[in-house]
PDB file of N, CA and C in Angstrom:
ATOM      1  N   MET A   1      29.692 168.029 129.359  1.00  0.00           N
ATOM      2  CA  MET A   1      29.787 167.104 128.557  1.00  0.00           C
ATOM      3  C   MET A   1      28.695 167.033 128.099  1.00  0.00           C
ATOM      4  N   SER A   2      28.714 166.842 126.789  1.00  0.00           N
ATOM      5  CA  SER A   2      27.603 166.546 125.986  1.00  0.00           C
ATOM      6  C   SER A   2      27.363 166.268 124.497  1.00  0.00           C
ATOM      7  N   ASN A   3      26.754 166.238 123.861  1.00  0.00           N
ATOM      8  CA  ASN A   3      27.137 165.462 122.557  1.00  0.00           C
ATOM      9  C   ASN A   3      27.297 166.724 121.768  1.00  0.00           C
ATOM     10  N   ARG A   4      28.184 166.311 120.538  1.00  0.00           N
ATOM     11  CA  ARG A   4      28.444 167.225 118.922  1.00  0.00           C
ATOM     12  C   ARG A   4      27.580 167.078 117.994  1.00  0.00           C
ATOM     13  N   ARG A   5      27.574 167.467 117.013  1.00  0.00           N
ATOM     14  CA  ARG A   5      26.932 167.719 116.326  1.00  0.00           C
ATOM     15  C   ARG A   5      26.683 166.097 115.698  1.00  0.00           C
ATOM     16  N   MET A   6      25.649 165.249 115.133  1.00  0.00           N
ATOM     17  CA  MET A   6      25.763 164.316 114.615  1.00  0.00           C
ATOM     18  C   MET A   6      24.920 164.343 113.031  1.00  0.00           C
ATOM     19  N   THR A   7      25.149 163.567 112.041  1.00  0.00           N
ATOM     20  CA  THR A   7      24.467 163.723 110.997  1.00  0.00           C
ATOM     21  C   THR A   7      23.383 162.728 110.918  1.00  0.00           C
ATOM     22  N   LEU A   8      21.865 162.541 111.148  1.00  0.00           N
ATOM     23  CA  LEU A   8      21.155 161.143 110.718  1.00  0.00           C
ATOM     24  C   LEU A   8      21.241 161.396 109.091  1.00  0.00           C
ATOM     25  N   SER A   9      20.931 159.890 109.198  1.00  0.00           N
ATOM     26  CA  SER A   9      20.446 159.407 107.360  1.00  0.00           C
ATOM     27  C   SER A   9      18.615 159.885 107.032  1.00  0.00           C
ATOM     28  N   GLU A  10      18.765 160.202 105.368  1.00  0.00           N
ATOM     29  CA  GLU A  10      17.594 160.890 105.430  1.00  0.00           C
ATOM     30  C   GLU A  10      16.393 159.462 106.020  1.00  0.00           C
ATOM     31  N   ARG A  11      16.524 158.403 106.004  1.00  0.00           N
ATOM     32  CA  ARG A  11      15.400 157.096 106.138  1.00  0.00           C
ATOM     33  C   ARG A  11      15.233 157.506 108.057  1.00  0.00           C
ATOM     34  N   GLY A  12      16.537 157.492 108.436  1.00  0.00           N
ATOM     35  CA  GLY A  12      16.633 157.552 109.982  1.00  0.00           C
ATOM     36  C   GLY A  12      15.653 158.748 110.553  1.00  0.00           C
ATOM     37  N   LYS A  13      15.699 160.132 109.443  1.00  0.00           N
ATOM     38  CA  LYS A  13      14.764 161.125 110.228  1.00  0.00           C
ATOM     39  C   LYS A  13      13.298 160.986 110.152  1.00  0.00           C
ATOM     40  N   LYS A  14      13.283 160.386 108.597  1.00  0.00           N
ATOM     41  CA  LYS A  14      12.137 160.308 109.161  1.00  0.00           C
ATOM     42  C   LYS A  14      11.268 159.305 109.676  1.00  0.00           C
ATOM     43  N   ILE A  15      12.100 158.236 109.773  1.00  0.00           N
ATOM     44  CA  ILE A  15      11.495 157.497 111.146  1.00  0.00           C
ATOM     45  C   ILE A  15      11.320 158.300 112.962  1.00  0.00           C
ATOM     46  N   LEU A  16      12.629 158.892 113.042  1.00  0.00           N
ATOM     47  CA  LEU A  16      12.292 159.869 114.100  1.00  0.00           C
ATOM     48  C   LEU A  16      11.226 160.613 114.226  1.00  0.00           C
ATOM     49  N   ASP A  17      11.331 161.554 113.136  1.00  0.00           N
ATOM     50  CA  ASP A  17       9.799 161.683 113.236  1.00  0.00           C
ATOM     51  C   ASP A  17       8.457 161.554 113.350  1.00  0.00           C
ATOM     52  N   THR A  18       8.511 160.065 112.362  1.00  0.00           N
ATOM     53  CA  THR A  18       7.280 159.195 112.750  1.00  0.00           C
ATOM     54  C   THR A  18       7.008 158.342 114.387  1.00  0.00           C
ATOM     55  N   ILE A  19       9.062 158.309 115.315  1.00  0.00           N
ATOM     56  CA  ILE A  19       8.199 157.944 116.628  1.00  0.00           C
ATOM     57  C   ILE A  19       7.935 159.012 117.376  1.00  0.00           C
ATOM     58  N   ALA A  20       8.273 160.256 117.051  1.00  0.00           N
ATOM     59  CA  ALA A  20       8.621 161.495 117.432  1.00  0.00           C
ATOM     60  C   ALA A  20       6.408 161.777 117.732  1.00  0.00           C
ATOM     61  N   ASP A  21       6.284 161.951 116.666  1.00  0.00           N
ATOM     62  CA  ASP A  21       4.685 161.948 116.787  1.00  0.00           C
ATOM     63  C   ASP A  21       3.665 160.658 117.220  1.00  0.00           C
ATOM     64  N   THR A  22       4.224 159.282 117.039  1.00  0.00           N
ATOM     65  CA  THR A  22       3.499 158.151 117.485  1.00  0.00           C
ATOM     66  C   THR A  22       3.441 158.159 119.107  1.00  0.00           C
ATOM     67  N   LEU A  23       5.076 158.649 119.882  1.00  0.00           N
ATOM     68  CA  LEU A  23       4.685 159.303 120.886  1.00  0.00           C
ATOM     69  C   LEU A  23       4.373 160.329 122.180  1.00  0.00           C
ATOM     70  N   GLU A  24       4.258 161.384 120.969  1.00  0.00           N
ATOM     71  CA  GLU A  24       3.683 163.058 121.308  1.00  0.00           C
ATOM     72  C   GLU A  24       4.601 163.164 122.009  1.00  0.00           C
ATOM     73  N   VAL A  25       6.280 162.807 121.786  1.00  0.00           N
ATOM     74  CA  VAL A  25       7.181 163.525 122.096  1.00  0.00           C
ATOM     75  C   VAL A  25       8.332 164.872 121.433  1.00  0.00           C
ATOM     76  N   GLU A  26       8.573 165.311 121.538  1.00  0.00           N
ATOM     77  CA  GLU A  26       9.428 166.147 121.031  1.00  0.00           C
ATOM     78  C   GLU A  26      10.808 165.239 120.306  1.00  0.00           C
ATOM     79  N   ARG A  27      11.410 165.425 119.189  1.00  0.00           N
ATOM     80  CA  ARG A  27      12.784 165.076 118.886  1.00  0.00           C
ATOM     81  C   ARG A  27      14.004 164.512 119.736  1.00  0.00           C
ATOM     82  N   PRO A  28      14.423 165.812 120.634  1.00  0.00           N
ATOM     83  CA  PRO A  28      15.158 165.295 121.806  1.00  0.00           C
ATOM     84  C   PRO A  28      15.255 164.028 122.391  1.00  0.00           C
ATOM     85  N   MET A  29      13.619 163.835 122.691  1.00  0.00           N
ATOM     86  CA  MET A  29      14.041 162.747 123.438  1.00  0.00           C
ATOM     87  C   MET A  29      12.958 161.551 122.827  1.00  0.00           C
ATOM     88  N   ALA A  30      13.289 161.447 121.511  1.00  0.00           N
ATOM     89  CA  ALA A  30      12.541 160.804 120.925  1.00  0.00           C
ATOM     90  C   ALA A  30      13.945 160.248 120.634  1.00  0.00           C
ATOM     91  N   VAL A  31      15.107 161.034 120.809  1.00  0.00           N
ATOM     92  CA  VAL A  31      16.453 160.604 120.286  1.00  0.00           C
ATOM     93  C   VAL A  31      17.443 159.970 121.564  1.00  0.00           C
ATOM     94  N   LYS A  32      16.818 160.615 122.392  1.00  0.00           N
ATOM     95  CA  LYS A  32      17.292 159.677 123.336  1.00  0.00           C
ATOM     96  C   LYS A  32      16.555 157.983 123.698  1.00  0.00           C
ATOM     97  N   ILE A  33      15.186 158.111 123.171  1.00  0.00           N
ATOM     98  CA  ILE A  33      15.026 156.875 123.378  1.00  0.00           C
ATOM     99  C   ILE A  33      15.070 155.901 122.215  1.00  0.00           C
ATOM    100  N   ALA A  34      15.587 156.318 120.902  1.00  0.00           N
ATOM    101  CA  ALA A  34      15.900 155.642 119.954  1.00  0.00           C
ATOM    102  C   ALA A  34      17.621 155.288 120.674  1.00  0.00           C
ATOM    103  N   LEU A  35      18.373 155.953 120.974  1.00  0.00           N
ATOM    104  CA  LEU A  35      19.664 155.489 121.776  1.00  0.00           C
ATOM    105  C   LEU A  35      19.554 154.419 122.526  1.00  0.00           C
ATOM    106  N   ALA A  36      18.691 154.605 123.486  1.00  0.00           N
ATOM    107  CA  ALA A  36      18.451 153.506 124.544  1.00  0.00           C
ATOM    108  C   ALA A  36      18.305 152.126 124.030  1.00  0.00           C
ATOM    109  N   LYS A  37      17.097 152.425 123.320  1.00  0.00           N
ATOM    110  CA  LYS A  37      16.897 150.925 122.469  1.00  0.00           C
ATOM    111  C   LYS A  37      18.035 150.671 121.623  1.00  0.00           C
ATOM    112  N   GLY A  38      18.444 151.298 120.619  1.00  0.00           N
ATOM    113  CA  GLY A  38      19.989 150.912 119.916  1.00  0.00           C
ATOM    114  C   GLY A  38      20.816 149.926 120.955  1.00  0.00           C
ATOM    115  N   ILE A  39      21.491 150.867 121.996  1.00  0.00           N
ATOM    116  CA  ILE A  39      21.593 150.118 122.903  1.00  0.00           C
ATOM    117  C   ILE A  39      21.012 148.664 123.071  1.00  0.00           C
ATOM    118  N   SER A  40      20.212 148.912 124.046  1.00  0.00           N
ATOM    119  CA  SER A  40      19.619 147.647 124.470  1.00  0.00           C
ATOM    120  C   SER A  40      19.253 146.479 123.564  1.00  0.00           C
ATOM    121  N   VAL A  41      19.269 146.272 122.235  1.00  0.00           N
ATOM    122  CA  VAL A  41      18.859 145.487 121.120  1.00  0.00           C
ATOM    123  C   VAL A  41      19.883 144.753 120.908  1.00  0.00           C
ATOM    124  N   SER A  42      21.317 145.807 121.063  1.00  0.00           N
ATOM    125  CA  SER A  42      22.529 145.347 120.247  1.00  0.00           C
ATOM    126  C   SER A  42      23.098 144.594 121.397  1.00  0.00           C
ATOM    127  N   ASN A  43      23.816 143.963 120.535  1.00  0.00           N
ATOM    128  CA  ASN A  43      24.899 142.674 121.418  1.00  0.00           C
ATOM    129  C   ASN A  43      26.531 143.100 120.657  1.00  0.00           C
ATOM    130  N   GLY A  44      26.888 143.686 121.455  1.00  0.00           N
ATOM    131  CA  GLY A  44      28.624 144.312 121.006  1.00  0.00           C
ATOM    132  C   GLY A  44      28.211 146.165 119.897  1.00  0.00           C
ATOM    133  N   ALA A  45      29.291 146.096 119.383  1.00  0.00           N
ATOM    134  CA  ALA A  45      29.789 146.804 118.548  1.00  0.00           C
ATOM    135  C   ALA A  45      28.177 147.058 117.404  1.00  0.00           C
ATOM    136  N   VAL A  46      27.418 147.864 116.786  1.00  0.00           N
ATOM    137  CA  VAL A  46      26.778 147.650 115.332  1.00  0.00           C
ATOM    138  C   VAL A  46      27.763 148.280 114.355  1.00  0.00           C
ATOM    139  N   THR A  47      27.617 147.086 113.967  1.00  0.00           N
ATOM    140  CA  THR A  47      28.427 146.375 112.540  1.00  0.00           C
ATOM    141  C   THR A  47      27.366 146.893 111.300  1.00  0.00           C
ATOM    142  N   GLU A  48      26.088 147.172 111.227  1.00  0.00           N
ATOM    143  CA  GLU A  48      25.617 147.757 110.067  1.00  0.00           C
ATOM    144  C   GLU A  48      25.700 149.153 109.690  1.00  0.00           C
ATOM    145  N   VAL A  49      25.750 149.657 108.175  1.00  0.00           N
ATOM    146  CA  VAL A  49      26.075 150.633 107.450  1.00  0.00           C
ATOM    147  C   VAL A  49      24.562 151.086 107.280  1.00  0.00           C
ATOM    148  N   PHE A  50      24.489 152.557 107.302  1.00  0.00           N
ATOM    149  CA  PHE A  50      23.016 152.676 107.090  1.00  0.00           C
ATOM    150  C   PHE A  50      23.408 154.175 105.897  1.00  0.00           C
ATOM    151  N   GLU A  51      22.633 154.240 105.005  1.00  0.00           N
ATOM    152  CA  GLU A  51      22.752 154.917 103.796  1.00  0.00           C
ATOM    153  C   GLU A  51      22.298 155.922 104.480  1.00  0.00           C
ATOM    154  N   SER A  52      22.787 156.805 103.886  1.00  0.00           N
ATOM    155  CA  SER A  52      22.643 158.835 104.273  1.00  0.00           C
ATOM    156  C   SER A  52      21.511 159.092 103.674  1.00  0.00           C
ATOM    157  N   GLY A  53      21.483 158.824 102.265  1.00  0.00           N
ATOM    158  CA  GLY A  53      20.421 159.488 101.236  1.00  0.00           C
ATOM    159  C   GLY A  53      21.015 161.390 101.121  1.00  0.00           C
ATOM    160  N   LYS A  54      20.245 162.129 100.371  1.00  0.00           N
ATOM    161  CA  LYS A  54      20.498 162.912 100.044  1.00  0.00           C
ATOM    162  C   LYS A  54      20.052 164.194 101.254  1.00  0.00           C
ATOM    163  N   ASP A  55      18.941 164.087 102.041  1.00  0.00           N
ATOM    164  CA  ASP A  55      18.000 164.631 103.019  1.00  0.00           C
ATOM    165  C   ASP A  55      19.033 164.169 104.761  1.00  0.00           C
ATOM    166  N   LYS A  56      19.643 165.030 104.871  1.00  0.00           N
ATOM    167  CA  LYS A  56      20.019 164.566 106.458  1.00  0.00           C
ATOM    168  C   LYS A  56      19.403 165.482 106.932  1.00  0.00           C
ATOM    169  N   TRP A  57      19.666 164.540 108.479  1.00  0.00           N
ATOM    170  CA  TRP A  57      19.326 165.772 109.412  1.00  0.00           C
ATOM    171  C   TRP A  57      19.979 165.411 110.457  1.00  0.00           C
ATOM    172  N   THR A  58      20.994 167.404 110.988  1.00  0.00           N
ATOM    173  CA  THR A  58      21.491 167.181 111.879  1.00  0.00           C
ATOM    174  C   THR A  58      21.222 166.987 113.288  1.00  0.00           C
ATOM    175  N   ILE A  59      21.195 165.952 114.063  1.00  0.00           N
ATOM    176  CA  ILE A  59      21.493 166.482 115.301  1.00  0.00           C
ATOM    177  C   ILE A  59      21.870 167.146 116.599  1.00  0.00           C
ATOM    178  N   PRO A  60      21.222 167.882 116.512  1.00  0.00           N
ATOM    179  CA  PRO A  60      22.436 169.214 117.230  1.00  0.00           C
ATOM    180  C   PRO A  60      23.183 168.883 118.745  1.00  0.00           C
ATOM    181  N   ASP A  61      23.721 169.936 118.870  1.00  0.00           N
ATOM    182  CA  ASP A  61      24.898 170.007 119.533  1.00  0.00           C
ATOM    183  C   ASP A  61      23.787 169.811 121.265  1.00  0.00           C
ATOM    184  N   ASN A  62      24.588 168.946 122.222  1.00  0.00           N
ATOM    185  CA  ASN A  62      23.966 169.859 123.816  1.00  0.00           C
ATOM    186  C   ASN A  62      22.350 168.670 123.890  1.00  0.00           C
ATOM    187  N   ILE A  63      22.029 167.959 122.923  1.00  0.00           N
ATOM    188  CA  ILE A  63      20.803 167.477 123.059  1.00  0.00           C
ATOM    189  C   ILE A  63      20.715 166.117 124.289  1.00  0.00           C
ATOM    190  N   ILE A  64      21.844 165.722 124.382  1.00  0.00           N
ATOM    191  CA  ILE A  64      22.035 164.874 125.767  1.00  0.00           C
ATOM    192  C   ILE A  64      23.352 165.348 126.284  1.00  0.00           C
ATOM    193  N   LYS A  65      23.199 166.007 127.150  1.00  0.00           N
ATOM    194  CA  LYS A  65      24.255 166.579 128.101  1.00  0.00           C
ATOM    195  C   LYS A  65      24.605 166.066 129.314  1.00  0.00           C
ATOM    196  N   ASP A  66      25.417 166.532 129.864  1.00  0.00           N
ATOM    197  CA  ASP A  66      25.683 166.403 131.677  1.00  0.00           C
ATOM    198  C   ASP A  66      25.661 164.716 132.155  1.00  0.00           C
ATOM    199  N   LYS A  67      24.806 164.157 133.205  1.00  0.00           N
ATOM    200  CA  LYS A  67      24.932 163.346 133.771  1.00  0.00           C
ATOM    201  C   LYS A  67      23.905 162.043 132.356  1.00  0.00           C
ATOM    202  N   GLU A  68      22.900 162.435 131.762  1.00  0.00           N
ATOM    203  CA  GLU A  68      22.636 161.639 130.814  1.00  0.00           C
ATOM    204  C   GLU A  68      23.660 161.014 129.852  1.00  0.00           C
ATOM    205  N   PHE A  69      24.458 162.591 129.842  1.00  0.00           N
ATOM    206  CA  PHE A  69      25.733 161.574 128.615  1.00  0.00           C
ATOM    207  C   PHE A  69      26.707 160.799 128.795  1.00  0.00           C
ATOM    208  N   VAL A  70      26.874 161.628 130.402  1.00  0.00           N
ATOM    209  CA  VAL A  70      28.230 160.525 131.196  1.00  0.00           C
ATOM    210  C   VAL A  70      27.718 159.347 131.237  1.00  0.00           C
ATOM    211  N   MET A  71      26.242 159.044 131.364  1.00  0.00           N
ATOM    212  CA  MET A  71      25.802 157.233 131.534  1.00  0.00           C
ATOM    213  C   MET A  71      24.823 157.062 130.289  1.00  0.00           C
ATOM    214  N   PHE A  72      24.903 157.863 128.976  1.00  0.00           N
ATOM    215  CA  PHE A  72      25.416 157.247 128.224  1.00  0.00           C
ATOM    216  C   PHE A  72      26.949 156.435 127.174  1.00  0.00           C
ATOM    217  N   LYS A  73      27.272 157.695 127.662  1.00  0.00           N
ATOM    218  CA  LYS A  73      29.325 157.427 127.068  1.00  0.00           C
ATOM    219  C   LYS A  73      29.411 156.015 127.934  1.00  0.00           C
ATOM    220  N   HIS A  74      29.246 155.923 129.282  1.00  0.00           N
ATOM    221  CA  HIS A  74      29.552 154.396 129.960  1.00  0.00           C
ATOM    222  C   HIS A  74      28.604 152.983 129.608  1.00  0.00           C
ATOM    223  N   LEU A  75      27.344 153.454 129.040  1.00  0.00           N
ATOM    224  CA  LEU A  75      26.827 152.265 128.419  1.00  0.00           C
ATOM    225  C   LEU A  75      27.399 151.750 127.083  1.00  0.00           C
ATOM    226  N   LEU A  76      27.927 152.744 126.236  1.00  0.00           N
ATOM    227  CA  LEU A  76      28.272 152.791 124.775  1.00  0.00           C
ATOM    228  C   LEU A  76      30.080 151.818 125.025  1.00  0.00           C
ATOM    229  N   ILE A  77      30.633 152.436 126.021  1.00  0.00           N
ATOM    230  CA  ILE A  77      32.041 152.161 125.793  1.00  0.00           C
ATOM    231  C   ILE A  77      31.485 150.400 126.518  1.00  0.00           C
ATOM    232  N   ASN A  78      31.054 149.826 127.637  1.00  0.00           N
ATOM    233  CA  ASN A  78      30.204 148.735 128.063  1.00  0.00           C
ATOM    234  C   ASN A  78      29.933 147.910 127.074  1.00  0.00           C
ATOM    235  N   GLU A  79      28.813 148.470 125.853  1.00  0.00           N
ATOM    236  CA  GLU A  79      28.978 147.773 124.600  1.00  0.00           C
ATOM    237  C   GLU A  79      29.601 147.400 124.059  1.00  0.00           C
ATOM    238  N   VAL A  80      30.721 148.434 123.673  1.00  0.00           N
ATOM    239  CA  VAL A  80      32.133 148.067 122.624  1.00  0.00           C
ATOM    240  C   VAL A  80      32.934 147.108 122.978  1.00  0.00           C
ATOM    241  N   ASN A  81      32.992 147.197 124.264  1.00  0.00           N
ATOM    242  CA  ASN A  81      34.023 147.025 125.233  1.00  0.00           C
ATOM    243  C   ASN A  81      35.517 147.423 125.019  1.00  0.00           C
ATOM    244  N   SER A  82      35.164 148.978 124.387  1.00  0.00           N
ATOM    245  CA  SER A  82      36.665 149.051 124.796  1.00  0.00           C
ATOM    246  C   SER A  82      36.488 150.462 124.675  1.00  0.00           C
ATOM    247  N   SER A  83      38.010 151.003 125.286  1.00  0.00           N
ATOM    248  CA  SER A  83      37.576 152.912 125.101  1.00  0.00           C
ATOM    249  C   SER A  83      37.798 153.364 124.069  1.00  0.00           C
ATOM    250  N   LEU A  84      36.709 154.826 124.609  1.00  0.00           N
ATOM    251  CA  LEU A  84      36.326 155.208 122.992  1.00  0.00           C
ATOM    252  C   LEU A  84      37.160 156.723 123.408  1.00  0.00           C
ATOM    253  N   ASP A  85      37.224 157.210 122.388  1.00  0.00           N
ATOM    254  CA  ASP A  85      38.076 158.809 122.562  1.00  0.00           C
ATOM    255  C   ASP A  85      36.274 159.632 121.592  1.00  0.00           C
ATOM    256  N   ASP A  86      36.656 160.315 121.995  1.00  0.00           N
ATOM    257  CA  ASP A  86      35.592 161.747 121.135  1.00  0.00           C
ATOM    258  C   ASP A  86      34.848 161.623 119.373  1.00  0.00           C
ATOM    259  N   SER A  87      35.612 161.341 119.129  1.00  0.00           N
ATOM    260  CA  SER A  87      35.062 160.768 117.674  1.00  0.00           C
ATOM    261  C   SER A  87      34.581 159.132 117.244  1.00  0.00           C
ATOM    262  N   GLU A  88      35.172 158.395 118.121  1.00  0.00           N
ATOM    263  CA  GLU A  88      34.593 157.047 117.966  1.00  0.00           C
ATOM    264  C   GLU A  88      33.253 156.721 119.020  1.00  0.00           C
ATOM    265  N   LEU A  89      33.166 157.605 119.988  1.00  0.00           N
ATOM    266  CA  LEU A  89      32.682 157.718 120.986  1.00  0.00           C
ATOM    267  C   LEU A  89      30.819 158.562 119.737  1.00  0.00           C
ATOM    268  N   HIS A  90      30.761 159.173 119.366  1.00  0.00           N
ATOM    269  CA  HIS A  90      30.311 160.028 118.758  1.00  0.00           C
ATOM    270  C   HIS A  90      29.506 159.208 117.500  1.00  0.00           C
ATOM    271  N   LYS A  91      30.609 158.445 116.967  1.00  0.00           N
ATOM    272  CA  LYS A  91      30.254 157.354 115.574  1.00  0.00           C
ATOM    273  C   LYS A  91      29.494 156.136 116.228  1.00  0.00           C
ATOM    274  N   HIS A  92      29.889 155.718 117.347  1.00  0.00           N
ATOM    275  CA  HIS A  92      29.294 154.560 118.022  1.00  0.00           C
ATOM    276  C   HIS A  92      27.556 155.479 118.161  1.00  0.00           C
ATOM    277  N   MET A  93      27.746 156.100 119.023  1.00  0.00           N
ATOM    278  CA  MET A  93      26.495 156.866 118.767  1.00  0.00           C
ATOM    279  C   MET A  93      25.686 157.466 118.201  1.00  0.00           C
ATOM    280  N   LEU A  94      25.656 157.466 117.348  1.00  0.00           N
ATOM    281  CA  LEU A  94      24.702 157.733 115.976  1.00  0.00           C
ATOM    282  C   LEU A  94      24.348 156.064 115.338  1.00  0.00           C
ATOM    283  N   ALA A  95      25.788 155.090 115.336  1.00  0.00           N
ATOM    284  CA  ALA A  95      24.953 153.979 114.910  1.00  0.00           C
ATOM    285  C   ALA A  95      23.774 153.570 115.830  1.00  0.00           C
ATOM    286  N   TYR A  96      24.168 153.239 117.170  1.00  0.00           N
ATOM    287  CA  TYR A  96      23.481 152.958 118.065  1.00  0.00           C
ATOM    288  C   TYR A  96      21.973 153.370 117.571  1.00  0.00           C
ATOM    289  N   ILE A  97      21.979 154.787 117.930  1.00  0.00           N
ATOM    290  CA  ILE A  97      20.507 156.113 117.768  1.00  0.00           C
ATOM    291  C   ILE A  97      19.627 155.543 116.333  1.00  0.00           C
ATOM    292  N   GLU A  98      20.689 154.920 115.096  1.00  0.00           N
ATOM    293  CA  GLU A  98      19.938 154.377 113.795  1.00  0.00           C
ATOM    294  C   GLU A  98      19.552 152.953 114.059  1.00  0.00           C
ATOM    295  N   LYS A  99      20.136 152.463 114.862  1.00  0.00           N
ATOM    296  CA  LYS A  99      19.467 150.784 114.971  1.00  0.00           C
ATOM    297  C   LYS A  99      18.118 150.947 115.984  1.00  0.00           C
ATOM    298  N   GLY A 100      18.625 151.491 116.488  1.00  0.00           N
ATOM    299  CA  GLY A 100      17.424 151.903 117.709  1.00  0.00           C
ATOM    300  C   GLY A 100      15.945 152.371 116.888  1.00  0.00           C
ATOM    301  N   LEU A 101      16.166 153.633 115.785  1.00  0.00           N
ATOM    302  CA  LEU A 101      15.361 154.314 115.203  1.00  0.00           C
ATOM    303  C   LEU A 101      15.000 152.660 114.008  1.00  0.00           C
ATOM    304  N   ARG A 102      15.385 152.164 113.397  1.00  0.00           N
ATOM    305  CA  ARG A 102      14.839 150.683 113.257  1.00  0.00           C
ATOM    306  C   ARG A 102      13.985 150.015 113.655  1.00  0.00           C
ATOM    307  N   THR A 103      14.814 149.597 114.443  1.00  0.00           N
ATOM    308  CA  THR A 103      14.057 148.225 115.492  1.00  0.00           C
ATOM    309  C   THR A 103      12.774 149.413 116.468  1.00  0.00           C
ATOM    310  N   LEU A 104      12.434 150.484 116.626  1.00  0.00           N
ATOM    311  CA  LEU A 104      11.499 150.732 117.069  1.00  0.00           C
ATOM    312  C   LEU A 104      10.715 151.110 115.728  1.00  0.00           C
ATOM    313  N   ASN A 105      10.777 151.338 114.692  1.00  0.00           N
ATOM    314  CA  ASN A 105       9.969 151.091 113.469  1.00  0.00           C
ATOM    315  C   ASN A 105       9.229 150.068 113.406  1.00  0.00           C
ATOM    316  N   GLU A 106      10.178 149.030 112.766  1.00  0.00           N
ATOM    317  CA  GLU A 106       9.514 147.935 113.317  1.00  0.00           C
ATOM    318  C   GLU A 106       8.664 147.681 114.400  1.00  0.00           C
ATOM    319  N   ASP A 107       9.358 147.853 115.148  1.00  0.00           N
ATOM    320  CA  ASP A 107       7.651 147.159 116.719  1.00  0.00           C
ATOM    321  C   ASP A 107       6.785 148.234 116.437  1.00  0.00           C
ATOM    322  N   LEU A 108       6.840 149.393 116.077  1.00  0.00           N
ATOM    323  CA  LEU A 108       5.707 150.037 115.234  1.00  0.00           C
ATOM    324  C   LEU A 108       4.804 149.937 114.784  1.00  0.00           C
ATOM    325  N   LYS A 109       5.870 149.161 113.655  1.00  0.00           N
ATOM    326  CA  LYS A 109       4.796 148.201 112.217  1.00  0.00           C
ATOM    327  C   LYS A 109       4.140 147.014 112.418  1.00  0.00           C
ATOM    328  N   ASN A 110       4.939 146.208 113.495  1.00  0.00           N
ATOM    329  CA  ASN A 110       4.093 144.964 114.004  1.00  0.00           C
ATOM    330  C   ASN A 110       3.174 144.744 115.040  1.00  0.00           C
ATOM    331  N   LYS A 111       2.822 146.057 115.560  1.00  0.00           N
ATOM    332  CA  LYS A 111       1.843 146.276 116.968  1.00  0.00           C
ATOM    333  C   LYS A 111       0.800 145.849 116.302  1.00  0.00           C
ATOM    334  N   THR A 112      -0.265 145.638 117.395  1.00  0.00           N
ATOM    335  CA  THR A 112      -1.908 145.546 116.842  1.00  0.00           C
ATOM    336  C   THR A 112      -2.363 146.661 117.451  1.00  0.00           C
ATOM    337  N   SER A 113      -3.487 146.513 116.927  1.00  0.00           N
ATOM    338  CA  SER A 113      -4.402 147.900 117.133  1.00  0.00           C
ATOM    339  C   SER A 113      -4.726 147.926 118.607  1.00  0.00           C
ATOM    340  N   MET A 114      -4.687 146.937 119.584  1.00  0.00           N
ATOM    341  CA  MET A 114      -4.869 147.055 120.575  1.00  0.00           C
ATOM    342  C   MET A 114      -3.613 147.601 121.509  1.00  0.00           C
ATOM    343  N   GLU A 115      -2.332 147.418 121.069  1.00  0.00           N
ATOM    344  CA  GLU A 115      -1.275 147.192 122.227  1.00  0.00           C
ATOM    345  C   GLU A 115      -0.927 149.269 122.005  1.00  0.00           C
ATOM    346  N   ASP A 116      -0.219 148.857 123.623  1.00  0.00           N
ATOM    347  CA  ASP A 116       0.454 150.956 123.424  1.00  0.00           C
ATOM    348  C   ASP A 116       1.828 150.283 123.230  1.00  0.00           C
ATOM    349  N   PHE A 117       1.980 150.921 122.102  1.00  0.00           N
ATOM    350  CA  PHE A 117       3.199 151.514 121.774  1.00  0.00           C
ATOM    351  C   PHE A 117       4.201 151.689 122.590  1.00  0.00           C
ATOM    352  N   ARG A 118       3.871 152.837 123.553  1.00  0.00           N
ATOM    353  CA  ARG A 118       4.886 152.965 124.679  1.00  0.00           C
ATOM    354  C   ARG A 118       5.372 151.769 125.719  1.00  0.00           C
ATOM    355  N   LEU A 119       4.826 151.068 125.918  1.00  0.00           N
ATOM    356  CA  LEU A 119       4.135 149.727 126.923  1.00  0.00           C
ATOM    357  C   LEU A 119       5.697 148.578 125.559  1.00  0.00           C
ATOM    358  N   MET A 120       5.019 148.983 124.935  1.00  0.00           N
ATOM    359  CA  MET A 120       5.925 147.987 123.331  1.00  0.00           C
ATOM    360  C   MET A 120       7.464 148.304 123.708  1.00  0.00           C
ATOM    361  N   ILE A 121       7.980 149.146 123.788  1.00  0.00           N
ATOM    362  CA  ILE A 121       9.158 150.186 123.699  1.00  0.00           C
ATOM    363  C   ILE A 121       9.811 149.439 125.163  1.00  0.00           C
ATOM    364  N   LEU A 122       9.351 149.031 126.283  1.00  0.00           N
ATOM    365  CA  LEU A 122      10.046 148.541 127.029  1.00  0.00           C
ATOM    366  C   LEU A 122      10.377 147.487 127.036  1.00  0.00           C
TER     367      LEU A 122
END
């Protein structure tokens, strides 16, 4: 089991690149961090609508796979508090990634020069 293609918004892609550069990680790891952050800061399903823009970025297949995918799947089911079919799961997964990216971006903007961004994520 693994994720299928999802389309990240233009602003989400810019934030993803910033987060990946700041943390010095590859994009797939930054996507996983954003998903985890989105789940951790949310209280229920994400109801926000994120604008798509013209320059979207496709999150490729198999970024999140095997045990990681199963773990995120069950965390999402628990957060949404209902069972999800495959298309609903990926729709929610993308919403939580977008929410996590925006939260990480706000944390990055609000950090002082002495703070370590990696520790702020926790």
